[in-house]
N, C-alpha and C. Protein backbone atom coordinates (compact mmCIF):
# COMPACT_ATOMS: atom_id res chain seq x y z
N MET A 1 -23.28 3.32 1.41
CA MET A 1 -21.86 3.36 1.68
C MET A 1 -21.29 4.65 1.08
N SER A 2 -20.42 5.29 1.81
CA SER A 2 -19.86 6.56 1.35
C SER A 2 -18.75 6.34 0.33
N ASN A 3 -18.14 7.43 -0.07
CA ASN A 3 -17.03 7.35 -1.01
C ASN A 3 -15.82 6.74 -0.32
N LEU A 4 -15.18 5.82 -1.00
CA LEU A 4 -14.09 5.04 -0.42
C LEU A 4 -12.75 5.47 -1.00
N ILE A 5 -11.68 5.13 -0.28
CA ILE A 5 -10.33 5.43 -0.73
C ILE A 5 -9.58 4.13 -0.94
N LEU A 6 -8.97 3.99 -2.11
CA LEU A 6 -8.12 2.86 -2.44
C LEU A 6 -6.67 3.34 -2.34
N GLY A 7 -5.89 2.68 -1.51
CA GLY A 7 -4.46 2.97 -1.39
C GLY A 7 -3.65 1.79 -1.86
N LEU A 8 -2.62 2.09 -2.67
CA LEU A 8 -1.74 1.03 -3.16
C LEU A 8 -0.29 1.33 -2.81
N ASP A 9 0.43 0.30 -2.42
CA ASP A 9 1.88 0.36 -2.25
C ASP A 9 2.45 -0.54 -3.34
N VAL A 10 2.79 0.06 -4.48
CA VAL A 10 3.14 -0.70 -5.68
C VAL A 10 4.58 -1.22 -5.61
N SER A 11 4.70 -2.50 -5.90
CA SER A 11 5.99 -3.16 -6.01
C SER A 11 5.83 -4.26 -7.05
N THR A 12 6.92 -4.65 -7.67
CA THR A 12 6.83 -5.69 -8.70
C THR A 12 6.79 -7.09 -8.10
N SER A 13 6.99 -7.22 -6.79
CA SER A 13 6.88 -8.55 -6.18
C SER A 13 5.55 -8.73 -5.45
N VAL A 14 5.18 -7.74 -4.64
CA VAL A 14 3.92 -7.76 -3.89
C VAL A 14 3.42 -6.32 -3.81
N THR A 15 2.18 -6.08 -4.22
CA THR A 15 1.59 -4.76 -4.12
C THR A 15 0.56 -4.75 -3.00
N GLY A 16 0.78 -3.88 -2.03
CA GLY A 16 -0.16 -3.74 -0.93
C GLY A 16 -1.41 -3.02 -1.38
N VAL A 17 -2.57 -3.45 -0.85
CA VAL A 17 -3.86 -2.89 -1.23
C VAL A 17 -4.68 -2.62 0.04
N SER A 18 -5.23 -1.43 0.12
CA SER A 18 -6.11 -1.09 1.24
C SER A 18 -7.27 -0.25 0.74
N ILE A 19 -8.45 -0.56 1.22
CA ILE A 19 -9.62 0.27 0.94
C ILE A 19 -10.21 0.66 2.27
N ILE A 20 -10.39 1.97 2.45
CA ILE A 20 -10.94 2.48 3.70
C ILE A 20 -12.16 3.37 3.43
N ASP A 21 -12.98 3.47 4.45
CA ASP A 21 -14.11 4.39 4.43
C ASP A 21 -13.71 5.60 5.28
N PRO A 22 -13.40 6.73 4.64
CA PRO A 22 -12.91 7.88 5.39
C PRO A 22 -13.97 8.55 6.27
N SER A 23 -15.23 8.17 6.11
CA SER A 23 -16.28 8.75 6.93
C SER A 23 -16.31 8.14 8.33
N ILE A 24 -15.61 7.02 8.50
CA ILE A 24 -15.55 6.33 9.79
C ILE A 24 -14.17 6.58 10.39
N PRO A 25 -14.11 7.08 11.61
CA PRO A 25 -12.79 7.33 12.23
C PRO A 25 -12.00 6.03 12.39
N PRO A 26 -10.66 6.11 12.27
CA PRO A 26 -9.85 4.90 12.46
C PRO A 26 -9.90 4.44 13.91
N GLY A 27 -9.58 3.20 14.10
CA GLY A 27 -9.62 2.62 15.44
C GLY A 27 -10.71 1.57 15.48
N GLY A 28 -10.36 0.40 15.87
CA GLY A 28 -11.34 -0.69 15.92
C GLY A 28 -11.52 -1.37 14.58
N GLY A 29 -11.00 -0.78 13.53
CA GLY A 29 -11.00 -1.41 12.22
C GLY A 29 -12.23 -1.26 11.37
N SER A 30 -13.26 -0.57 11.88
CA SER A 30 -14.49 -0.48 11.09
C SER A 30 -14.32 0.38 9.84
N ASN A 31 -13.27 1.20 9.79
CA ASN A 31 -13.04 2.01 8.59
C ASN A 31 -12.28 1.24 7.51
N ILE A 32 -11.71 0.09 7.86
CA ILE A 32 -10.92 -0.70 6.91
C ILE A 32 -11.82 -1.76 6.28
N LEU A 33 -12.03 -1.64 4.98
CA LEU A 33 -12.89 -2.57 4.28
C LEU A 33 -12.11 -3.67 3.57
N HIS A 34 -10.84 -3.37 3.25
CA HIS A 34 -10.01 -4.35 2.55
C HIS A 34 -8.56 -4.06 2.89
N LEU A 35 -7.83 -5.11 3.26
CA LEU A 35 -6.42 -4.99 3.62
C LEU A 35 -5.74 -6.28 3.18
N ASP A 36 -5.03 -6.18 2.06
CA ASP A 36 -4.48 -7.39 1.46
C ASP A 36 -3.33 -7.01 0.52
N VAL A 37 -2.90 -7.96 -0.28
CA VAL A 37 -1.86 -7.71 -1.27
C VAL A 37 -2.21 -8.41 -2.58
N ILE A 38 -1.58 -7.94 -3.63
CA ILE A 38 -1.57 -8.64 -4.91
C ILE A 38 -0.19 -9.26 -5.00
N ASP A 39 -0.12 -10.57 -4.99
CA ASP A 39 1.15 -11.28 -4.96
C ASP A 39 1.50 -11.75 -6.37
N PHE A 40 2.63 -11.31 -6.87
CA PHE A 40 3.03 -11.59 -8.25
C PHE A 40 4.01 -12.75 -8.39
N LYS A 41 4.20 -13.57 -7.34
CA LYS A 41 5.25 -14.59 -7.41
C LYS A 41 5.02 -15.64 -8.50
N LYS A 42 3.79 -15.84 -8.93
CA LYS A 42 3.53 -16.82 -9.99
C LYS A 42 3.65 -16.22 -11.39
N CYS A 43 3.84 -14.90 -11.47
CA CYS A 43 3.95 -14.22 -12.76
C CYS A 43 5.40 -14.22 -13.23
N LYS A 44 5.60 -14.51 -14.51
CA LYS A 44 6.96 -14.62 -15.04
C LYS A 44 7.48 -13.32 -15.65
N SER A 45 6.61 -12.47 -16.14
CA SER A 45 7.07 -11.23 -16.78
C SER A 45 6.31 -10.04 -16.22
N ILE A 46 6.81 -8.86 -16.52
CA ILE A 46 6.13 -7.65 -16.05
C ILE A 46 4.73 -7.56 -16.65
N TRP A 47 4.56 -8.08 -17.87
CA TRP A 47 3.25 -8.00 -18.52
C TRP A 47 2.26 -8.96 -17.88
N GLU A 48 2.73 -10.12 -17.43
CA GLU A 48 1.85 -11.03 -16.68
C GLU A 48 1.43 -10.37 -15.37
N LYS A 49 2.36 -9.65 -14.75
CA LYS A 49 2.05 -8.94 -13.51
C LYS A 49 1.00 -7.87 -13.76
N CYS A 50 1.12 -7.16 -14.86
CA CYS A 50 0.14 -6.12 -15.20
C CYS A 50 -1.24 -6.73 -15.44
N ASP A 51 -1.28 -7.84 -16.18
CA ASP A 51 -2.56 -8.52 -16.44
C ASP A 51 -3.18 -9.01 -15.14
N PHE A 52 -2.36 -9.56 -14.26
CA PHE A 52 -2.85 -10.07 -12.98
C PHE A 52 -3.35 -8.92 -12.10
N ALA A 53 -2.61 -7.82 -12.07
CA ALA A 53 -3.04 -6.65 -11.30
C ALA A 53 -4.36 -6.11 -11.83
N LYS A 54 -4.51 -6.08 -13.14
CA LYS A 54 -5.75 -5.60 -13.74
C LYS A 54 -6.93 -6.47 -13.31
N LYS A 55 -6.73 -7.78 -13.34
CA LYS A 55 -7.78 -8.71 -12.92
C LYS A 55 -8.17 -8.46 -11.46
N GLU A 56 -7.18 -8.28 -10.60
CA GLU A 56 -7.43 -8.05 -9.18
C GLU A 56 -8.13 -6.70 -8.94
N LEU A 57 -7.72 -5.67 -9.66
CA LEU A 57 -8.35 -4.36 -9.50
C LEU A 57 -9.79 -4.37 -10.03
N LEU A 58 -10.04 -5.14 -11.09
CA LEU A 58 -11.42 -5.28 -11.58
C LEU A 58 -12.30 -5.95 -10.54
N LEU A 59 -11.77 -6.96 -9.85
CA LEU A 59 -12.52 -7.62 -8.77
C LEU A 59 -12.82 -6.63 -7.64
N LEU A 60 -11.84 -5.78 -7.31
CA LEU A 60 -12.06 -4.78 -6.27
C LEU A 60 -13.14 -3.78 -6.69
N LYS A 61 -13.14 -3.40 -7.96
CA LYS A 61 -14.15 -2.45 -8.48
C LYS A 61 -15.55 -3.06 -8.34
N THR A 62 -15.66 -4.35 -8.60
CA THR A 62 -16.95 -5.04 -8.46
C THR A 62 -17.40 -5.06 -7.00
N LYS A 63 -16.47 -5.34 -6.13
CA LYS A 63 -16.78 -5.46 -4.71
C LYS A 63 -16.97 -4.10 -4.04
N PHE A 64 -16.22 -3.09 -4.49
CA PHE A 64 -16.26 -1.75 -3.89
C PHE A 64 -16.47 -0.70 -4.99
N PRO A 65 -17.70 -0.59 -5.52
CA PRO A 65 -17.94 0.36 -6.62
C PRO A 65 -17.85 1.83 -6.21
N ASN A 66 -17.83 2.12 -4.92
CA ASN A 66 -17.84 3.51 -4.44
C ASN A 66 -16.45 4.10 -4.25
N VAL A 67 -15.41 3.48 -4.80
CA VAL A 67 -14.07 4.06 -4.67
C VAL A 67 -14.06 5.39 -5.43
N SER A 68 -13.74 6.45 -4.70
CA SER A 68 -13.71 7.78 -5.32
C SER A 68 -12.33 8.42 -5.27
N THR A 69 -11.40 7.78 -4.55
CA THR A 69 -10.03 8.27 -4.50
C THR A 69 -9.10 7.09 -4.69
N PHE A 70 -8.12 7.27 -5.55
CA PHE A 70 -7.17 6.23 -5.91
C PHE A 70 -5.77 6.80 -5.66
N SER A 71 -5.14 6.38 -4.57
CA SER A 71 -3.84 6.93 -4.17
C SER A 71 -2.76 5.87 -4.19
N LEU A 72 -1.60 6.27 -4.64
CA LEU A 72 -0.45 5.36 -4.69
C LEU A 72 0.74 6.01 -4.01
N GLU A 73 1.60 5.15 -3.48
CA GLU A 73 2.86 5.66 -2.94
C GLU A 73 3.71 6.10 -4.12
N GLU A 74 4.21 7.31 -4.03
CA GLU A 74 5.09 7.82 -5.07
C GLU A 74 6.34 6.94 -5.12
N PRO A 75 6.74 6.53 -6.32
CA PRO A 75 7.92 5.66 -6.39
C PRO A 75 9.19 6.43 -6.02
N LEU A 76 10.23 5.68 -5.65
CA LEU A 76 11.51 6.29 -5.31
C LEU A 76 12.00 7.18 -6.44
N LEU A 77 12.49 8.34 -6.07
CA LEU A 77 13.00 9.26 -7.08
C LEU A 77 14.53 9.32 -7.07
N GLY A 78 15.14 8.68 -6.10
CA GLY A 78 16.59 8.74 -6.01
C GLY A 78 17.14 7.47 -5.41
N PHE A 79 18.43 7.44 -5.29
CA PHE A 79 19.12 6.26 -4.79
C PHE A 79 19.32 6.36 -3.29
N SER A 80 19.23 5.23 -2.64
CA SER A 80 19.60 5.11 -1.23
C SER A 80 20.84 4.24 -1.18
N LYS A 81 21.81 4.65 -0.41
CA LYS A 81 23.08 3.93 -0.35
C LYS A 81 22.84 2.44 -0.07
N GLY A 82 23.34 1.61 -0.98
CA GLY A 82 23.26 0.17 -0.78
C GLY A 82 21.91 -0.45 -1.09
N LEU A 83 20.97 0.34 -1.60
CA LEU A 83 19.64 -0.23 -1.85
C LEU A 83 19.34 -0.37 -3.34
N SER A 84 18.60 0.57 -3.91
CA SER A 84 18.07 0.41 -5.25
C SER A 84 19.05 0.85 -6.33
N SER A 85 19.15 0.03 -7.35
CA SER A 85 19.97 0.36 -8.51
C SER A 85 19.13 1.17 -9.49
N ALA A 86 19.78 1.76 -10.48
CA ALA A 86 19.06 2.52 -11.51
C ALA A 86 18.07 1.61 -12.23
N SER A 87 18.47 0.38 -12.49
CA SER A 87 17.58 -0.57 -13.16
C SER A 87 16.34 -0.86 -12.34
N THR A 88 16.52 -1.06 -11.04
CA THR A 88 15.38 -1.33 -10.15
C THR A 88 14.43 -0.14 -10.11
N ILE A 89 14.97 1.05 -9.97
CA ILE A 89 14.13 2.24 -9.90
C ILE A 89 13.39 2.44 -11.22
N THR A 90 14.06 2.21 -12.34
CA THR A 90 13.42 2.35 -13.65
C THR A 90 12.27 1.36 -13.80
N THR A 91 12.50 0.11 -13.42
CA THR A 91 11.46 -0.92 -13.51
C THR A 91 10.27 -0.55 -12.62
N LEU A 92 10.56 -0.12 -11.40
CA LEU A 92 9.49 0.25 -10.47
C LEU A 92 8.69 1.44 -10.98
N MET A 93 9.38 2.44 -11.53
CA MET A 93 8.68 3.61 -12.08
C MET A 93 7.77 3.19 -13.25
N ARG A 94 8.31 2.34 -14.10
CA ARG A 94 7.53 1.86 -15.25
C ARG A 94 6.29 1.11 -14.76
N PHE A 95 6.48 0.20 -13.80
CA PHE A 95 5.38 -0.61 -13.28
C PHE A 95 4.35 0.28 -12.57
N ASN A 96 4.82 1.23 -11.78
CA ASN A 96 3.92 2.15 -11.09
C ASN A 96 3.07 2.92 -12.10
N GLY A 97 3.70 3.35 -13.19
CA GLY A 97 2.96 4.07 -14.24
C GLY A 97 1.89 3.20 -14.89
N ILE A 98 2.23 1.96 -15.16
CA ILE A 98 1.27 1.04 -15.78
C ILE A 98 0.11 0.77 -14.81
N ILE A 99 0.42 0.52 -13.54
CA ILE A 99 -0.63 0.26 -12.55
C ILE A 99 -1.50 1.51 -12.38
N SER A 100 -0.89 2.68 -12.41
CA SER A 100 -1.65 3.93 -12.33
C SER A 100 -2.64 4.02 -13.49
N TYR A 101 -2.19 3.70 -14.69
CA TYR A 101 -3.05 3.76 -15.86
C TYR A 101 -4.18 2.73 -15.77
N ILE A 102 -3.84 1.51 -15.36
CA ILE A 102 -4.86 0.46 -15.22
C ILE A 102 -5.91 0.89 -14.19
N GLY A 103 -5.46 1.37 -13.04
CA GLY A 103 -6.40 1.81 -12.00
C GLY A 103 -7.26 2.97 -12.47
N ARG A 104 -6.66 3.91 -13.19
CA ARG A 104 -7.42 5.06 -13.72
C ARG A 104 -8.49 4.58 -14.68
N ASP A 105 -8.14 3.62 -15.53
CA ASP A 105 -9.07 3.07 -16.50
C ASP A 105 -10.23 2.32 -15.82
N ILE A 106 -9.93 1.58 -14.77
CA ILE A 106 -10.95 0.78 -14.08
C ILE A 106 -11.85 1.65 -13.21
N PHE A 107 -11.26 2.53 -12.39
CA PHE A 107 -12.03 3.30 -11.42
C PHE A 107 -12.49 4.66 -11.96
N LEU A 108 -12.01 5.03 -13.14
CA LEU A 108 -12.36 6.30 -13.78
C LEU A 108 -12.01 7.50 -12.88
N ILE A 109 -10.85 7.39 -12.23
CA ILE A 109 -10.35 8.42 -11.33
C ILE A 109 -8.88 8.65 -11.64
N ASP A 110 -8.49 9.91 -11.70
CA ASP A 110 -7.06 10.20 -11.84
C ASP A 110 -6.36 9.81 -10.54
N PRO A 111 -5.26 9.09 -10.64
CA PRO A 111 -4.56 8.72 -9.42
C PRO A 111 -3.88 9.92 -8.76
N THR A 112 -3.73 9.83 -7.45
CA THR A 112 -2.95 10.82 -6.71
C THR A 112 -1.76 10.08 -6.12
N TYR A 113 -0.68 10.81 -5.93
CA TYR A 113 0.54 10.21 -5.43
C TYR A 113 0.96 10.89 -4.14
N ILE A 114 1.38 10.08 -3.19
CA ILE A 114 1.83 10.57 -1.89
C ILE A 114 3.17 9.93 -1.60
N SER A 115 4.15 10.74 -1.23
CA SER A 115 5.44 10.16 -0.86
C SER A 115 5.28 9.39 0.44
N ALA A 116 6.10 8.38 0.61
CA ALA A 116 6.06 7.59 1.84
C ALA A 116 6.30 8.48 3.05
N ALA A 117 7.25 9.40 2.93
CA ALA A 117 7.57 10.29 4.06
C ALA A 117 6.37 11.16 4.43
N SER A 118 5.70 11.73 3.44
CA SER A 118 4.52 12.58 3.71
C SER A 118 3.39 11.76 4.31
N ALA A 119 3.17 10.57 3.78
CA ALA A 119 2.08 9.71 4.29
C ALA A 119 2.34 9.34 5.74
N ARG A 120 3.55 8.97 6.05
CA ARG A 120 3.89 8.58 7.42
C ARG A 120 3.72 9.77 8.37
N LYS A 121 4.15 10.93 7.94
CA LYS A 121 4.03 12.13 8.78
C LYS A 121 2.55 12.46 9.04
N LEU A 122 1.73 12.39 8.00
CA LEU A 122 0.30 12.66 8.16
C LEU A 122 -0.35 11.68 9.13
N CYS A 123 0.14 10.45 9.15
CA CYS A 123 -0.42 9.42 10.04
C CYS A 123 0.19 9.45 11.44
N GLY A 124 1.09 10.40 11.68
CA GLY A 124 1.67 10.55 13.01
C GLY A 124 2.82 9.60 13.32
N ILE A 125 3.39 9.01 12.29
CA ILE A 125 4.48 8.06 12.49
C ILE A 125 5.80 8.82 12.47
N LYS A 126 6.52 8.73 13.56
CA LYS A 126 7.84 9.36 13.67
C LYS A 126 8.89 8.27 13.57
N LEU A 127 9.73 8.36 12.55
CA LEU A 127 10.74 7.34 12.32
C LEU A 127 12.09 7.76 12.90
N GLN A 128 12.80 6.77 13.36
CA GLN A 128 14.18 6.97 13.80
C GLN A 128 15.11 6.41 12.74
N LYS A 129 16.37 6.81 12.81
CA LYS A 129 17.36 6.19 11.93
C LYS A 129 17.34 4.69 12.20
N THR A 130 17.56 3.93 11.15
CA THR A 130 17.56 2.48 11.27
C THR A 130 18.55 2.01 12.34
N SER A 131 19.71 2.64 12.38
CA SER A 131 20.72 2.23 13.35
C SER A 131 20.28 2.49 14.79
N LEU A 132 19.52 3.56 15.01
CA LEU A 132 19.02 3.86 16.36
C LEU A 132 17.87 2.95 16.76
N ALA A 133 16.95 2.74 15.82
CA ALA A 133 15.75 1.94 16.12
C ALA A 133 16.03 0.44 16.14
N GLY A 134 17.08 0.03 15.44
CA GLY A 134 17.37 -1.39 15.35
C GLY A 134 16.45 -2.12 14.39
N MET A 135 15.74 -1.35 13.59
CA MET A 135 14.85 -1.94 12.58
C MET A 135 14.67 -0.96 11.42
N SER A 136 14.30 -1.50 10.27
CA SER A 136 14.11 -0.68 9.07
C SER A 136 12.92 0.26 9.24
N HIS A 137 12.82 1.24 8.36
CA HIS A 137 11.67 2.15 8.38
C HIS A 137 10.38 1.38 8.16
N LYS A 138 10.40 0.41 7.25
CA LYS A 138 9.21 -0.41 6.98
C LYS A 138 8.77 -1.14 8.25
N ASP A 139 9.73 -1.68 8.99
CA ASP A 139 9.42 -2.38 10.24
C ASP A 139 8.90 -1.40 11.30
N GLN A 140 9.46 -0.19 11.34
CA GLN A 140 8.99 0.81 12.30
C GLN A 140 7.54 1.22 12.00
N VAL A 141 7.21 1.37 10.72
CA VAL A 141 5.84 1.71 10.32
C VAL A 141 4.90 0.58 10.74
N PHE A 142 5.30 -0.65 10.46
CA PHE A 142 4.46 -1.80 10.80
C PHE A 142 4.22 -1.86 12.31
N LYS A 143 5.29 -1.68 13.08
CA LYS A 143 5.18 -1.71 14.54
C LYS A 143 4.24 -0.61 15.03
N TYR A 144 4.39 0.60 14.51
CA TYR A 144 3.54 1.72 14.93
C TYR A 144 2.08 1.43 14.61
N MET A 145 1.80 1.00 13.40
CA MET A 145 0.42 0.75 12.99
C MET A 145 -0.19 -0.43 13.74
N ARG A 146 0.62 -1.43 14.09
CA ARG A 146 0.12 -2.56 14.90
C ARG A 146 -0.29 -2.08 16.29
N GLU A 147 0.33 -1.02 16.76
CA GLU A 147 0.00 -0.48 18.08
C GLU A 147 -1.11 0.57 18.02
N HIS A 148 -1.48 1.01 16.82
CA HIS A 148 -2.48 2.06 16.68
C HIS A 148 -3.63 1.60 15.77
N ASP A 149 -3.71 2.13 14.57
CA ASP A 149 -4.84 1.89 13.67
C ASP A 149 -5.11 0.41 13.39
N LEU A 150 -4.06 -0.41 13.32
CA LEU A 150 -4.23 -1.81 12.94
C LEU A 150 -4.08 -2.77 14.11
N ALA A 151 -4.29 -2.27 15.32
CA ALA A 151 -4.15 -3.10 16.52
C ALA A 151 -5.12 -4.29 16.52
N HIS A 152 -6.26 -4.13 15.88
CA HIS A 152 -7.28 -5.18 15.84
C HIS A 152 -7.02 -6.27 14.81
N VAL A 153 -6.10 -6.03 13.88
CA VAL A 153 -5.89 -6.97 12.77
C VAL A 153 -5.18 -8.23 13.26
N GLN A 154 -5.75 -9.35 12.93
CA GLN A 154 -5.16 -10.65 13.23
C GLN A 154 -4.46 -11.12 11.96
N TRP A 155 -3.17 -10.82 11.84
CA TRP A 155 -2.42 -11.19 10.64
C TRP A 155 -2.19 -12.69 10.61
N PRO A 156 -2.23 -13.28 9.42
CA PRO A 156 -1.91 -14.71 9.33
C PRO A 156 -0.43 -14.94 9.68
N LEU A 157 -0.14 -16.16 10.11
CA LEU A 157 1.23 -16.52 10.47
C LEU A 157 1.79 -17.49 9.43
N THR A 158 3.11 -17.47 9.28
CA THR A 158 3.75 -18.42 8.37
C THR A 158 3.65 -19.81 8.99
N PRO A 159 3.43 -20.83 8.16
CA PRO A 159 3.25 -22.18 8.69
C PRO A 159 4.48 -22.73 9.43
N LYS A 160 5.66 -22.45 8.91
CA LYS A 160 6.87 -23.05 9.50
C LYS A 160 7.33 -22.34 10.76
N SER A 161 7.52 -21.02 10.67
CA SER A 161 8.12 -20.31 11.81
C SER A 161 7.10 -19.64 12.74
N GLY A 162 5.86 -19.54 12.28
CA GLY A 162 4.83 -18.96 13.13
C GLY A 162 4.94 -17.46 13.35
N VAL A 163 5.63 -16.76 12.44
CA VAL A 163 5.72 -15.30 12.52
C VAL A 163 4.71 -14.69 11.54
N ILE A 164 4.42 -13.42 11.73
CA ILE A 164 3.47 -12.74 10.84
C ILE A 164 3.99 -12.78 9.41
N VAL A 165 3.09 -13.05 8.48
CA VAL A 165 3.47 -13.15 7.07
C VAL A 165 4.16 -11.86 6.61
N PRO A 166 5.20 -11.97 5.80
CA PRO A 166 5.95 -10.79 5.37
C PRO A 166 5.11 -9.76 4.61
N TRP A 167 4.10 -10.23 3.88
CA TRP A 167 3.30 -9.30 3.09
C TRP A 167 2.45 -8.35 3.94
N ALA A 168 2.33 -8.64 5.22
CA ALA A 168 1.56 -7.76 6.11
C ALA A 168 2.13 -6.34 6.11
N LYS A 169 3.44 -6.22 5.95
CA LYS A 169 4.08 -4.90 5.92
C LYS A 169 3.70 -4.13 4.66
N ASP A 170 3.53 -4.83 3.54
CA ASP A 170 3.11 -4.18 2.30
C ASP A 170 1.65 -3.72 2.39
N ALA A 171 0.81 -4.55 2.98
CA ALA A 171 -0.59 -4.17 3.19
C ALA A 171 -0.68 -2.97 4.13
N THR A 172 0.17 -2.97 5.16
CA THR A 172 0.20 -1.84 6.09
C THR A 172 0.63 -0.57 5.39
N ASP A 173 1.63 -0.65 4.54
CA ASP A 173 2.07 0.53 3.78
C ASP A 173 0.94 1.07 2.89
N ALA A 174 0.16 0.17 2.31
CA ALA A 174 -0.98 0.60 1.50
C ALA A 174 -2.02 1.30 2.37
N TYR A 175 -2.23 0.77 3.58
CA TYR A 175 -3.16 1.43 4.51
C TYR A 175 -2.67 2.83 4.85
N VAL A 176 -1.38 2.99 5.09
CA VAL A 176 -0.82 4.31 5.41
C VAL A 176 -1.08 5.29 4.27
N ILE A 177 -0.95 4.83 3.03
CA ILE A 177 -1.23 5.69 1.87
C ILE A 177 -2.71 6.07 1.85
N ALA A 178 -3.60 5.10 2.05
CA ALA A 178 -5.04 5.39 2.04
C ALA A 178 -5.41 6.34 3.18
N ARG A 179 -4.90 6.06 4.36
CA ARG A 179 -5.20 6.90 5.54
C ARG A 179 -4.69 8.32 5.34
N ALA A 180 -3.47 8.47 4.84
CA ALA A 180 -2.91 9.78 4.56
C ALA A 180 -3.76 10.53 3.54
N SER A 181 -4.21 9.81 2.54
CA SER A 181 -5.06 10.41 1.52
C SER A 181 -6.35 10.95 2.13
N SER A 182 -6.90 10.22 3.10
CA SER A 182 -8.13 10.69 3.76
C SER A 182 -7.85 11.94 4.58
N LEU A 183 -6.67 12.05 5.13
CA LEU A 183 -6.32 13.23 5.94
C LEU A 183 -6.06 14.45 5.06
N ILE A 184 -5.54 14.23 3.87
CA ILE A 184 -5.32 15.34 2.92
C ILE A 184 -6.66 15.91 2.47
N LYS A 185 -7.65 15.06 2.31
CA LYS A 185 -8.96 15.48 1.79
C LYS A 185 -9.75 16.33 2.80
N LYS A 186 -9.40 16.27 4.09
CA LYS A 186 -10.19 16.99 5.11
C LYS A 186 -10.01 18.47 5.01
């Protein structure tokens, strides 16, 4: 197995995780080895979340020892009208830093950071304003990837409403980070 890329979309509620084999072209899914999330809903504090993330990343290291690139979505650096408060951004930056350190310690690789905008551009995703598209940027990314690289993925459905589980968007964002990282390396 060749050198693999681990992509993370870090959040304090659900962190998207994707591992890809960059030696295999995307399409058909054979380059995607892992596409999931770390769900923190049972964790009560940020430290429980860190411990849980560490446990999950250690399991990934056991399953995928050939990870040679560890990429994360760069956390928000500024405010978006009506969205993130200073407290939220501070917490996310702190958590992203801790997860970066844990991943570096486990995989023995310095993390690399890619902005969401750069990752999307590298993957060929063209976003419209939310008002024009009628959906958020996250939803536009999910829709694009469902029609392209992730067309083969059979996402689980929620038991009650029968729609795709919400965490699928976080896993997709992690895939975009991993895929973008593979394109930067070429």
